[in-house]
């Protein structure tokens, strides 16, 4: 499959355009064996860089195919290893810039789909999003435009997706990394006519960091998931055989097991208590917030609204 796939991609790259027939051929060859290989993924990047125009259909296929390679090309599924993260960054950042919005969309979508990604990729995507929001121009894949002079509605959607991504620094929660990016974006665009969505995004985002909570084990590392999957694969039969032997050779032990397993089990974390604790802004968080607000020597309107929100929720 790979040889024909690469041949189609190279032919389209030579033309600088991809026809509907060529795109269908790539889909057929790429999904024929259910696997996108590294060679195929690299051919897609080369083709994307060569295209003069990128259709919606092409963008959808590119995002889907690259995400499939990064997250499911090697076990465990929905995990991105450090090696895969370095490969992805190298493909996108080969000349120091993100060549197209489809590449940014690809990275954001990987963070959204992943159970976890390496810090190297998380930090890189945050940096790219911040740079694109402040300097990028042109249409985004999700509708609307990037603007180098203000924060657009489309950019607000991208930022929101990144900071709440399941594979980000804090799955479905804003972290200090994210909150500090929001402050930098605010300071850089304070005098601009930003989209109406920006004010709520900034206040909601920083407040979420200060008053939200995340579980320390909310994300399983790539290495740990490999260990767990290997354990399950190796022990499905042996664990059952072991318990059967216990019952046959030591009935009194089996009875003990029955008593233990018959007890009410720990139901896990008290989420209500964790949420209540998260609502409290700690001294450390207060010191951080004061430092961010005092950085430019004045309290602007958004910061005032943020302080009012926090005070009203205490």
C-alpha atoms as a PDB file:
ATOM      1  CA  UNK A   1       0.000   0.000   0.000  1.00  0.00           C
ATOM      2  CA  UNK A   2       2.757   2.442   0.937  1.00  0.00           C
ATOM      3  CA  UNK A   3       4.400   2.489  -2.523  1.00  0.00           C
ATOM      4  CA  UNK A   4       1.206   3.435  -4.350  1.00  0.00           C
ATOM      5  CA  UNK A   5       0.208   5.915  -1.638  1.00  0.00           C
ATOM      6  CA  UNK A   6       3.532   7.750  -1.895  1.00  0.00           C
ATOM      7  CA  UNK A   7       3.372   7.738  -5.701  1.00  0.00           C
ATOM      8  CA  UNK A   8      -0.038   9.442  -5.662  1.00  0.00           C
ATOM      9  CA  UNK A   9       1.136  11.996  -3.082  1.00  0.00           C
ATOM     10  CA  UNK A  10       4.290  12.803  -5.042  1.00  0.00           C
ATOM     11  CA  UNK A  11       2.350  13.242  -8.294  1.00  0.00           C
ATOM     12  CA  UNK A  12      -0.037  15.682  -6.624  1.00  0.00           C
ATOM     13  CA  UNK A  13       2.869  17.566  -5.020  1.00  0.00           C
ATOM     14  CA  UNK A  14       4.534  17.965  -8.421  1.00  0.00           C
ATOM     15  CA  UNK A  15       1.345  19.610  -9.719  1.00  0.00           C
ATOM     16  CA  UNK A  16       0.925  21.810  -6.644  1.00  0.00           C
ATOM     17  CA  UNK A  17      -2.713  20.748  -6.440  1.00  0.00           C
ATOM     18  CA  UNK A  18      -4.675  17.658  -5.509  1.00  0.00           C
ATOM     19  CA  UNK A  19      -7.697  16.488  -7.459  1.00  0.00           C
ATOM     20  CA  UNK A  20     -10.750  14.765  -6.020  1.00  0.00           C
ATOM     21  CA  UNK A  21      -9.619  11.535  -7.680  1.00  0.00           C
ATOM     22  CA  UNK A  22      -6.155  11.744  -6.124  1.00  0.00           C
ATOM     23  CA  UNK A  23      -7.626  12.445  -2.699  1.00  0.00           C
ATOM     24  CA  UNK A  24      -9.912   9.440  -3.054  1.00  0.00           C
ATOM     25  CA  UNK A  25      -6.918   7.324  -4.056  1.00  0.00           C
ATOM     26  CA  UNK A  26      -5.007   8.458  -0.952  1.00  0.00           C
ATOM     27  CA  UNK A  27      -7.965   7.568   1.239  1.00  0.00           C
ATOM     28  CA  UNK A  28      -8.290   4.172  -0.413  1.00  0.00           C
ATOM     29  CA  UNK A  29      -4.586   3.364  -0.166  1.00  0.00           C
ATOM     30  CA  UNK A  30      -4.145   4.872   3.298  1.00  0.00           C
ATOM     31  CA  UNK A  31      -7.086   3.200   4.968  1.00  0.00           C
ATOM     32  CA  UNK A  32      -6.897  -0.024   2.954  1.00  0.00           C
ATOM     33  CA  UNK A  33      -4.828  -1.703   5.657  1.00  0.00           C
ATOM     34  CA  UNK A  34      -6.112   0.481   8.482  1.00  0.00           C
ATOM     35  CA  UNK A  35      -2.646   1.911   9.181  1.00  0.00           C
ATOM     36  CA  UNK A  36      -0.897   5.167   8.257  1.00  0.00           C
ATOM     37  CA  UNK A  37       2.856   4.540   8.189  1.00  0.00           C
ATOM     38  CA  UNK A  38       5.563   7.086   8.884  1.00  0.00           C
ATOM     39  CA  UNK A  39       6.575   7.124   5.227  1.00  0.00           C
ATOM     40  CA  UNK A  40       2.978   7.865   4.246  1.00  0.00           C
ATOM     41  CA  UNK A  41       2.654  10.582   6.901  1.00  0.00           C
ATOM     42  CA  UNK A  42       5.856  12.256   5.687  1.00  0.00           C
ATOM     43  CA  UNK A  43       4.560  12.118   2.100  1.00  0.00           C
ATOM     44  CA  UNK A  44       1.416  13.905   3.261  1.00  0.00           C
ATOM     45  CA  UNK A  45       3.465  16.680   4.901  1.00  0.00           C
ATOM     46  CA  UNK A  46       5.498  17.121   1.713  1.00  0.00           C
ATOM     47  CA  UNK A  47       2.291  17.308  -0.312  1.00  0.00           C
ATOM     48  CA  UNK A  48       0.686  19.777   2.086  1.00  0.00           C
ATOM     49  CA  UNK A  49       3.723  22.066   1.824  1.00  0.00           C
ATOM     50  CA  UNK A  50       3.531  21.930  -1.992  1.00  0.00           C
ATOM     51  CA  UNK A  51      -0.181  22.688  -2.337  1.00  0.00           C
ATOM     52  CA  UNK A  52      -1.110  26.126  -3.657  1.00  0.00           C
ATOM     53  CA  UNK A  53      -4.644  25.794  -2.269  1.00  0.00           C
ATOM     54  CA  UNK A  54      -5.971  23.522   0.455  1.00  0.00           C
ATOM     55  CA  UNK A  55      -9.590  22.436   0.159  1.00  0.00           C
ATOM     56  CA  UNK A  56     -11.801  21.540   3.096  1.00  0.00           C
ATOM     57  CA  UNK A  57     -11.719  17.906   1.974  1.00  0.00           C
ATOM     58  CA  UNK A  58      -7.919  17.899   1.931  1.00  0.00           C
ATOM     59  CA  UNK A  59      -7.702  19.512   5.369  1.00  0.00           C
ATOM     60  CA  UNK A  60     -10.082  16.939   6.836  1.00  0.00           C
ATOM     61  CA  UNK A  61      -8.073  14.052   5.389  1.00  0.00           C
ATOM     62  CA  UNK A  62      -4.704  15.489   6.450  1.00  0.00           C
ATOM     63  CA  UNK A  63      -5.827  16.116  10.043  1.00  0.00           C
ATOM     64  CA  UNK A  64      -7.378  12.649  10.260  1.00  0.00           C
ATOM     65  CA  UNK A  65      -4.416  10.805   8.732  1.00  0.00           C
ATOM     66  CA  UNK A  66      -1.633  12.531  10.679  1.00  0.00           C
ATOM     67  CA  UNK A  67      -3.587  12.179  13.917  1.00  0.00           C
ATOM     68  CA  UNK A  68      -4.083   8.488  13.228  1.00  0.00           C
ATOM     69  CA  UNK A  69      -0.356   7.974  12.694  1.00  0.00           C
ATOM     70  CA  UNK A  70       0.714   9.933  15.792  1.00  0.00           C
ATOM     71  CA  UNK A  71      -1.878   8.522  18.200  1.00  0.00           C
ATOM     72  CA  UNK A  72      -2.462   5.007  16.875  1.00  0.00           C
ATOM     73  CA  UNK A  73       0.562   4.169  14.728  1.00  0.00           C
ATOM     74  CA  UNK A  74       2.194   2.302  17.600  1.00  0.00           C
ATOM     75  CA  UNK A  75       0.794   0.952  20.898  1.00  0.00           C
ATOM     76  CA  UNK A  76      -0.710   2.114  23.149  1.00  0.00           C
ATOM     77  CA  UNK A  77      -3.636   3.740  21.341  1.00  0.00           C
ATOM     78  CA  UNK A  78      -4.494   7.415  21.883  1.00  0.00           C
ATOM     79  CA  UNK A  79      -1.029   8.073  23.299  1.00  0.00           C
ATOM     80  CA  UNK A  80       1.785  10.115  21.809  1.00  0.00           C
ATOM     81  CA  UNK A  81       5.343   9.135  22.721  1.00  0.00           C
ATOM     82  CA  UNK A  82       8.195  11.610  23.002  1.00  0.00           C
ATOM     83  CA  UNK A  83       9.679  10.202  19.790  1.00  0.00           C
ATOM     84  CA  UNK A  84       6.393  10.745  17.934  1.00  0.00           C
ATOM     85  CA  UNK A  85       6.101  14.261  19.372  1.00  0.00           C
ATOM     86  CA  UNK A  86       9.618  15.134  18.189  1.00  0.00           C
ATOM     87  CA  UNK A  87       8.806  13.753  14.745  1.00  0.00           C
ATOM     88  CA  UNK A  88       5.620  15.838  14.499  1.00  0.00           C
ATOM     89  CA  UNK A  89       7.371  19.011  15.634  1.00  0.00           C
ATOM     90  CA  UNK A  90      10.193  18.370  13.168  1.00  0.00           C
ATOM     91  CA  UNK A  91       7.742  18.002  10.285  1.00  0.00           C
ATOM     92  CA  UNK A  92       5.904  21.205  11.177  1.00  0.00           C
ATOM     93  CA  UNK A  93       8.817  23.336  12.359  1.00  0.00           C
ATOM     94  CA  UNK A  94      11.404  22.340   9.741  1.00  0.00           C
ATOM     95  CA  UNK A  95      11.873  25.980   8.670  1.00  0.00           C
ATOM     96  CA  UNK A  96      10.849  27.684  11.890  1.00  0.00           C
ATOM     97  CA  UNK A  97       7.246  28.442  10.914  1.00  0.00           C
ATOM     98  CA  UNK A  98       3.891  26.705  10.764  1.00  0.00           C
ATOM     99  CA  UNK A  99       3.309  26.522   7.015  1.00  0.00           C
ATOM    100  CA  UNK A 100      -0.471  26.342   7.090  1.00  0.00           C
ATOM    101  CA  UNK A 101      -3.491  26.462   9.345  1.00  0.00           C
ATOM    102  CA  UNK A 102      -4.134  22.798   8.655  1.00  0.00           C
ATOM    103  CA  UNK A 103      -0.921  22.004  10.542  1.00  0.00           C
ATOM    104  CA  UNK A 104      -2.106  24.017  13.545  1.00  0.00           C
ATOM    105  CA  UNK A 105      -5.487  22.285  13.345  1.00  0.00           C
ATOM    106  CA  UNK A 106      -3.697  18.922  13.248  1.00  0.00           C
ATOM    107  CA  UNK A 107      -1.792  19.616  16.466  1.00  0.00           C
ATOM    108  CA  UNK A 108      -4.849  20.970  18.272  1.00  0.00           C
ATOM    109  CA  UNK A 109      -6.900  17.960  17.220  1.00  0.00           C
ATOM    110  CA  UNK A 110      -4.201  15.579  18.460  1.00  0.00           C
ATOM    111  CA  UNK A 111      -4.283  17.277  21.879  1.00  0.00           C
ATOM    112  CA  UNK A 112      -8.074  16.972  21.914  1.00  0.00           C
ATOM    113  CA  UNK A 113      -8.095  13.272  21.012  1.00  0.00           C
ATOM    114  CA  UNK A 114      -5.115  12.138  23.076  1.00  0.00           C
ATOM    115  CA  UNK A 115      -5.343  10.695  26.550  1.00  0.00           C
ATOM    116  CA  UNK A 116      -1.950  12.274  27.173  1.00  0.00           C
ATOM    117  CA  UNK A 117       0.911  13.866  25.242  1.00  0.00           C
ATOM    118  CA  UNK A 118       4.503  14.718  26.252  1.00  0.00           C
ATOM    119  CA  UNK A 119       5.185  18.129  27.785  1.00  0.00           C
ATOM    120  CA  UNK A 120       7.422  18.836  24.791  1.00  0.00           C
ATOM    121  CA  UNK A 121       4.415  18.771  22.458  1.00  0.00           C
ATOM    122  CA  UNK A 122       2.081  20.551  24.887  1.00  0.00           C
ATOM    123  CA  UNK A 123       4.512  23.450  25.316  1.00  0.00           C
ATOM    124  CA  UNK A 124       5.206  23.627  21.589  1.00  0.00           C
ATOM    125  CA  UNK A 125       1.507  23.823  20.704  1.00  0.00           C
ATOM    126  CA  UNK A 126       0.894  26.516  23.308  1.00  0.00           C
ATOM    127  CA  UNK A 127       3.770  28.528  21.845  1.00  0.00           C
ATOM    128  CA  UNK A 128       2.497  28.086  18.292  1.00  0.00           C
ATOM    129  CA  UNK A 129      -1.050  29.112  19.242  1.00  0.00           C
ATOM    130  CA  UNK A 130       0.221  32.209  21.025  1.00  0.00           C
ATOM    131  CA  UNK A 131       2.411  33.183  18.071  1.00  0.00           C
ATOM    132  CA  UNK A 132      -0.311  32.557  15.493  1.00  0.00           C
ATOM    133  CA  UNK A 133      -2.859  34.544  17.504  1.00  0.00           C
ATOM    134  CA  UNK A 134      -0.527  37.544  17.731  1.00  0.00           C
ATOM    135  CA  UNK A 135       1.029  37.466  14.255  1.00  0.00           C
ATOM    136  CA  UNK A 136      -0.935  35.077  12.023  1.00  0.00           C
ATOM    137  CA  UNK A 137      -3.264  36.068   9.211  1.00  0.00           C
ATOM    138  CA  UNK A 138      -5.655  34.218   6.922  1.00  0.00           C
ATOM    139  CA  UNK A 139      -8.560  31.794   7.250  1.00  0.00           C
ATOM    140  CA  UNK A 140      -8.738  29.138   9.935  1.00  0.00           C
ATOM    141  CA  UNK A 141      -9.949  25.602   9.367  1.00  0.00           C
ATOM    142  CA  UNK A 142     -12.752  26.002  11.947  1.00  0.00           C
ATOM    143  CA  UNK A 143     -14.212  29.153  10.403  1.00  0.00           C
ATOM    144  CA  UNK A 144     -13.232  32.808  10.667  1.00  0.00           C
ATOM    145  CA  UNK A 145      -9.833  34.412  10.284  1.00  0.00           C
ATOM    146  CA  UNK A 146      -6.575  34.828  12.122  1.00  0.00           C
ATOM    147  CA  UNK A 147      -5.751  38.457  12.742  1.00  0.00           C
ATOM    148  CA  UNK A 148      -2.362  40.002  13.501  1.00  0.00           C
ATOM    149  CA  UNK A 149      -3.970  43.122  14.985  1.00  0.00           C
ATOM    150  CA  UNK A 150      -6.565  41.748  17.392  1.00  0.00           C
ATOM    151  CA  UNK A 151      -7.907  38.495  18.832  1.00  0.00           C
ATOM    152  CA  UNK A 152     -10.623  37.212  16.525  1.00  0.00           C
ATOM    153  CA  UNK A 153     -13.567  34.954  17.351  1.00  0.00           C
ATOM    154  CA  UNK A 154     -11.873  32.102  15.465  1.00  0.00           C
ATOM    155  CA  UNK A 155      -8.731  32.556  17.562  1.00  0.00           C
ATOM    156  CA  UNK A 156     -10.806  32.441  20.737  1.00  0.00           C
ATOM    157  CA  UNK A 157     -12.176  29.073  19.634  1.00  0.00           C
ATOM    158  CA  UNK A 158      -8.668  27.738  19.009  1.00  0.00           C
ATOM    159  CA  UNK A 159      -7.394  28.957  22.388  1.00  0.00           C
ATOM    160  CA  UNK A 160     -10.359  27.443  24.213  1.00  0.00           C
ATOM    161  CA  UNK A 161      -9.843  24.087  22.516  1.00  0.00           C
ATOM    162  CA  UNK A 162      -6.153  24.006  23.445  1.00  0.00           C
ATOM    163  CA  UNK A 163      -6.413  24.956  27.110  1.00  0.00           C
ATOM    164  CA  UNK A 164      -9.245  22.492  27.750  1.00  0.00           C
ATOM    165  CA  UNK A 165      -7.829  19.635  25.624  1.00  0.00           C
ATOM    166  CA  UNK A 166      -7.768  16.171  27.209  1.00  0.00           C
ATOM    167  CA  UNK A 167      -4.128  15.710  26.230  1.00  0.00           C
ATOM    168  CA  UNK A 168      -3.034  19.148  27.449  1.00  0.00           C
ATOM    169  CA  UNK A 169      -1.243  20.119  30.651  1.00  0.00           C
ATOM    170  CA  UNK A 170      -4.461  19.769  32.633  1.00  0.00           C
ATOM    171  CA  UNK A 171      -7.112  17.585  30.993  1.00  0.00           C
ATOM    172  CA  UNK A 172     -10.343  19.615  30.771  1.00  0.00           C
ATOM    173  CA  UNK A 173      -8.842  22.222  33.110  1.00  0.00           C
ATOM    174  CA  UNK A 174      -6.784  25.391  32.766  1.00  0.00           C
ATOM    175  CA  UNK A 175      -3.253  25.209  34.181  1.00  0.00           C
ATOM    176  CA  UNK A 176      -0.765  27.877  35.156  1.00  0.00           C
ATOM    177  CA  UNK A 177       0.936  27.501  31.750  1.00  0.00           C
ATOM    178  CA  UNK A 178      -2.377  28.268  30.063  1.00  0.00           C
ATOM    179  CA  UNK A 179      -3.323  31.108  32.399  1.00  0.00           C
ATOM    180  CA  UNK A 180       0.002  32.864  31.883  1.00  0.00           C
ATOM    181  CA  UNK A 181      -0.496  32.639  28.112  1.00  0.00           C
ATOM    182  CA  UNK A 182      -3.911  34.282  28.530  1.00  0.00           C
ATOM    183  CA  UNK A 183      -2.304  37.136  30.468  1.00  0.00           C
ATOM    184  CA  UNK A 184       0.349  37.635  27.778  1.00  0.00           C
ATOM    185  CA  UNK A 185      -2.279  37.719  25.033  1.00  0.00           C
ATOM    186  CA  UNK A 186      -4.326  40.206  27.036  1.00  0.00           C
ATOM    187  CA  UNK A 187      -1.368  42.519  27.596  1.00  0.00           C
ATOM    188  CA  UNK A 188      -0.397  42.440  23.913  1.00  0.00           C
ATOM    189  CA  UNK A 189      -3.903  43.243  22.637  1.00  0.00           C
ATOM    190  CA  UNK A 190      -5.319  45.431  25.396  1.00  0.00           C
ATOM    191  CA  UNK A 191      -5.799  48.424  23.114  1.00  0.00           C
ATOM    192  CA  UNK A 192      -7.269  46.416  20.243  1.00  0.00           C
ATOM    193  CA  UNK A 193     -10.867  45.711  19.275  1.00  0.00           C
ATOM    194  CA  UNK A 194     -10.867  42.056  20.263  1.00  0.00           C
ATOM    195  CA  UNK A 195     -13.786  39.717  19.623  1.00  0.00           C
ATOM    196  CA  UNK A 196     -16.562  39.770  22.201  1.00  0.00           C
ATOM    197  CA  UNK A 197     -15.691  36.168  23.123  1.00  0.00           C
ATOM    198  CA  UNK A 198     -12.224  37.172  24.302  1.00  0.00           C
ATOM    199  CA  UNK A 199     -13.296  38.886  27.538  1.00  0.00           C
ATOM    200  CA  UNK A 200     -15.204  35.830  28.761  1.00  0.00           C
ATOM    201  CA  UNK A 201     -12.431  33.484  27.627  1.00  0.00           C
ATOM    202  CA  UNK A 202      -9.788  35.386  29.599  1.00  0.00           C
ATOM    203  CA  UNK A 203     -11.884  35.700  32.768  1.00  0.00           C
ATOM    204  CA  UNK A 204     -13.250  32.161  32.603  1.00  0.00           C
ATOM    205  CA  UNK A 205      -9.834  30.720  31.850  1.00  0.00           C
ATOM    206  CA  UNK A 206      -7.892  32.397  34.648  1.00  0.00           C
ATOM    207  CA  UNK A 207     -10.730  31.835  37.137  1.00  0.00           C
ATOM    208  CA  UNK A 208     -10.765  28.152  36.185  1.00  0.00           C
ATOM    209  CA  UNK A 209      -7.062  27.892  36.968  1.00  0.00           C
ATOM    210  CA  UNK A 210      -7.458  29.605  40.331  1.00  0.00           C
ATOM    211  CA  UNK A 211     -10.667  27.898  41.462  1.00  0.00           C
ATOM    212  CA  UNK A 212     -10.718  24.598  39.605  1.00  0.00           C
ATOM    213  CA  UNK A 213      -9.111  21.266  40.431  1.00  0.00           C
ATOM    214  CA  UNK A 214      -7.461  18.383  38.626  1.00  0.00           C
ATOM    215  CA  UNK A 215      -6.643  14.887  39.794  1.00  0.00           C
ATOM    216  CA  UNK A 216      -2.948  14.085  39.957  1.00  0.00           C
ATOM    217  CA  UNK A 217      -3.555  10.781  38.159  1.00  0.00           C
ATOM    218  CA  UNK A 218      -6.011  12.195  35.603  1.00  0.00           C
ATOM    219  CA  UNK A 219      -3.556  11.336  32.830  1.00  0.00           C
ATOM    220  CA  UNK A 220      -1.704   8.056  32.414  1.00  0.00           C
ATOM    221  CA  UNK A 221       1.775   8.402  30.974  1.00  0.00           C
ATOM    222  CA  UNK A 222       2.774   6.679  27.736  1.00  0.00           C
ATOM    223  CA  UNK A 223       5.156   4.373  29.584  1.00  0.00           C
ATOM    224  CA  UNK A 224       2.634   3.475  32.299  1.00  0.00           C
ATOM    225  CA  UNK A 225      -0.103   2.649  29.791  1.00  0.00           C
ATOM    226  CA  UNK A 226       2.299   0.355  27.923  1.00  0.00           C
ATOM    227  CA  UNK A 227       2.985  -1.452  31.210  1.00  0.00           C
ATOM    228  CA  UNK A 228      -0.719  -1.786  32.007  1.00  0.00           C
ATOM    229  CA  UNK A 229      -1.599  -3.102  28.554  1.00  0.00           C
ATOM    230  CA  UNK A 230       1.273  -5.604  28.713  1.00  0.00           C
ATOM    231  CA  UNK A 231       0.121  -6.782  32.142  1.00  0.00           C
ATOM    232  CA  UNK A 232      -3.458  -7.291  30.964  1.00  0.00           C
ATOM    233  CA  UNK A 233      -2.320  -9.153  27.857  1.00  0.00           C
ATOM    234  CA  UNK A 234      -0.045 -11.467  29.840  1.00  0.00           C
ATOM    235  CA  UNK A 235      -2.336 -12.158  32.777  1.00  0.00           C
ATOM    236  CA  UNK A 236      -5.856 -12.692  31.496  1.00  0.00           C
ATOM    237  CA  UNK A 237      -5.372 -16.462  31.665  1.00  0.00           C
ATOM    238  CA  UNK A 238      -2.782 -16.735  34.425  1.00  0.00           C
ATOM    239  CA  UNK A 239      -4.737 -14.679  36.973  1.00  0.00           C
ATOM    240  CA  UNK A 240      -7.808 -16.852  36.510  1.00  0.00           C
ATOM    241  CA  UNK A 241      -5.683 -20.018  36.795  1.00  0.00           C
ATOM    242  CA  UNK A 242      -4.068 -18.706  39.975  1.00  0.00           C
ATOM    243  CA  UNK A 243      -7.412 -17.973  41.662  1.00  0.00           C
ATOM    244  CA  UNK A 244      -8.694 -21.411  40.673  1.00  0.00           C
ATOM    245  CA  UNK A 245      -5.665 -23.002  42.295  1.00  0.00           C
ATOM    246  CA  UNK A 246      -6.276 -20.995  45.478  1.00  0.00           C
ATOM    247  CA  UNK A 247      -9.827 -22.337  45.696  1.00  0.00           C
ATOM    248  CA  UNK A 248      -8.711 -25.955  45.175  1.00  0.00           C
ATOM    249  CA  UNK A 249      -5.677 -26.029  47.443  1.00  0.00           C
ATOM    250  CA  UNK A 250      -6.581 -23.644  50.256  1.00  0.00           C
ATOM    251  CA  UNK A 251     -10.339 -23.339  50.889  1.00  0.00           C
ATOM    252  CA  UNK A 252      -9.748 -21.288  54.007  1.00  0.00           C
ATOM    253  CA  UNK A 253      -7.782 -18.756  51.971  1.00  0.00           C
ATOM    254  CA  UNK A 254     -10.543 -18.696  49.392  1.00  0.00           C
ATOM    255  CA  UNK A 255     -13.049 -17.966  52.151  1.00  0.00           C
ATOM    256  CA  UNK A 256     -10.846 -15.143  53.305  1.00  0.00           C
ATOM    257  CA  UNK A 257     -10.809 -13.760  49.757  1.00  0.00           C
ATOM    258  CA  UNK A 258     -14.583 -13.991  49.693  1.00  0.00           C
ATOM    259  CA  UNK A 259     -14.893 -12.032  52.901  1.00  0.00           C
ATOM    260  CA  UNK A 260     -12.526  -9.353  51.680  1.00  0.00           C
ATOM    261  CA  UNK A 261     -14.127  -9.046  48.277  1.00  0.00           C
ATOM    262  CA  UNK A 262     -17.572  -9.061  49.903  1.00  0.00           C
ATOM    263  CA  UNK A 263     -16.813  -5.898  51.834  1.00  0.00           C
ATOM    264  CA  UNK A 264     -17.884  -2.541  50.567  1.00  0.00           C
ATOM    265  CA  UNK A 265     -15.057  -1.233  48.447  1.00  0.00           C
ATOM    266  CA  UNK A 266     -13.560   2.225  48.487  1.00  0.00           C
ATOM    267  CA  UNK A 267     -15.559   4.293  46.022  1.00  0.00           C
ATOM    268  CA  UNK A 268     -12.584   6.446  45.066  1.00  0.00           C
ATOM    269  CA  UNK A 269     -11.924  10.167  45.410  1.00  0.00           C
ATOM    270  CA  UNK A 270     -14.487  12.426  47.039  1.00  0.00           C
ATOM    271  CA  UNK A 271     -14.997  14.702  44.051  1.00  0.00           C
ATOM    272  CA  UNK A 272     -17.273  17.051  45.952  1.00  0.00           C
ATOM    273  CA  UNK A 273     -14.573  17.600  48.556  1.00  0.00           C
ATOM    274  CA  UNK A 274     -11.918  18.075  45.868  1.00  0.00           C
ATOM    275  CA  UNK A 275     -14.092  20.589  44.039  1.00  0.00           C
ATOM    276  CA  UNK A 276     -14.727  22.489  47.272  1.00  0.00           C
ATOM    277  CA  UNK A 277     -10.993  22.578  47.994  1.00  0.00           C
ATOM    278  CA  UNK A 278     -10.312  23.776  44.468  1.00  0.00           C
ATOM    279  CA  UNK A 279     -12.724  26.668  44.947  1.00  0.00           C
ATOM    280  CA  UNK A 280     -10.408  28.104  47.594  1.00  0.00           C
ATOM    281  CA  UNK A 281      -7.782  30.455  46.165  1.00  0.00           C
ATOM    282  CA  UNK A 282      -4.601  29.582  48.049  1.00  0.00           C
ATOM    283  CA  UNK A 283      -1.957  32.020  49.256  1.00  0.00           C
ATOM    284  CA  UNK A 284       0.362  30.772  46.520  1.00  0.00           C
ATOM    285  CA  UNK A 285      -2.288  31.383  43.851  1.00  0.00           C
ATOM    286  CA  UNK A 286      -3.053  34.822  45.283  1.00  0.00           C
ATOM    287  CA  UNK A 287       0.639  35.717  45.156  1.00  0.00           C
ATOM    288  CA  UNK A 288       0.795  34.527  41.542  1.00  0.00           C
ATOM    289  CA  UNK A 289      -2.254  36.589  40.568  1.00  0.00           C
ATOM    290  CA  UNK A 290      -0.898  39.722  42.238  1.00  0.00           C
ATOM    291  CA  UNK A 291       2.367  39.276  40.372  1.00  0.00           C
ATOM    292  CA  UNK A 292       0.594  38.939  37.020  1.00  0.00           C
ATOM    293  CA  UNK A 293      -1.568  42.013  37.656  1.00  0.00           C
ATOM    294  CA  UNK A 294       1.302  44.151  38.961  1.00  0.00           C
ATOM    295  CA  UNK A 295       3.599  43.235  36.046  1.00  0.00           C
ATOM    296  CA  UNK A 296       2.629  46.336  34.019  1.00  0.00           C
ATOM    297  CA  UNK A 297       2.045  48.624  36.980  1.00  0.00           C
ATOM    298  CA  UNK A 298      -1.702  49.069  36.522  1.00  0.00           C
ATOM    299  CA  UNK A 299      -4.989  47.257  36.873  1.00  0.00           C
ATOM    300  CA  UNK A 300      -6.798  47.159  33.526  1.00  0.00           C
ATOM    301  CA  UNK A 301     -10.508  46.572  32.909  1.00  0.00           C
ATOM    302  CA  UNK A 302     -10.250  42.831  32.328  1.00  0.00           C
ATOM    303  CA  UNK A 303      -8.183  42.373  35.476  1.00  0.00           C
ATOM    304  CA  UNK A 304     -10.755  44.386  37.452  1.00  0.00           C
ATOM    305  CA  UNK A 305     -13.541  42.158  36.153  1.00  0.00           C
ATOM    306  CA  UNK A 306     -11.523  39.079  37.013  1.00  0.00           C
ATOM    307  CA  UNK A 307     -10.988  40.298  40.586  1.00  0.00           C
ATOM    308  CA  UNK A 308     -14.701  41.080  40.893  1.00  0.00           C
ATOM    309  CA  UNK A 309     -15.594  37.568  39.655  1.00  0.00           C
ATOM    310  CA  UNK A 310     -13.287  35.926  42.170  1.00  0.00           C
ATOM    311  CA  UNK A 311     -14.606  38.098  45.019  1.00  0.00           C
ATOM    312  CA  UNK A 312     -18.239  37.350  44.116  1.00  0.00           C
ATOM    313  CA  UNK A 313     -17.586  33.601  44.149  1.00  0.00           C
ATOM    314  CA  UNK A 314     -15.916  33.542  47.581  1.00  0.00           C
END
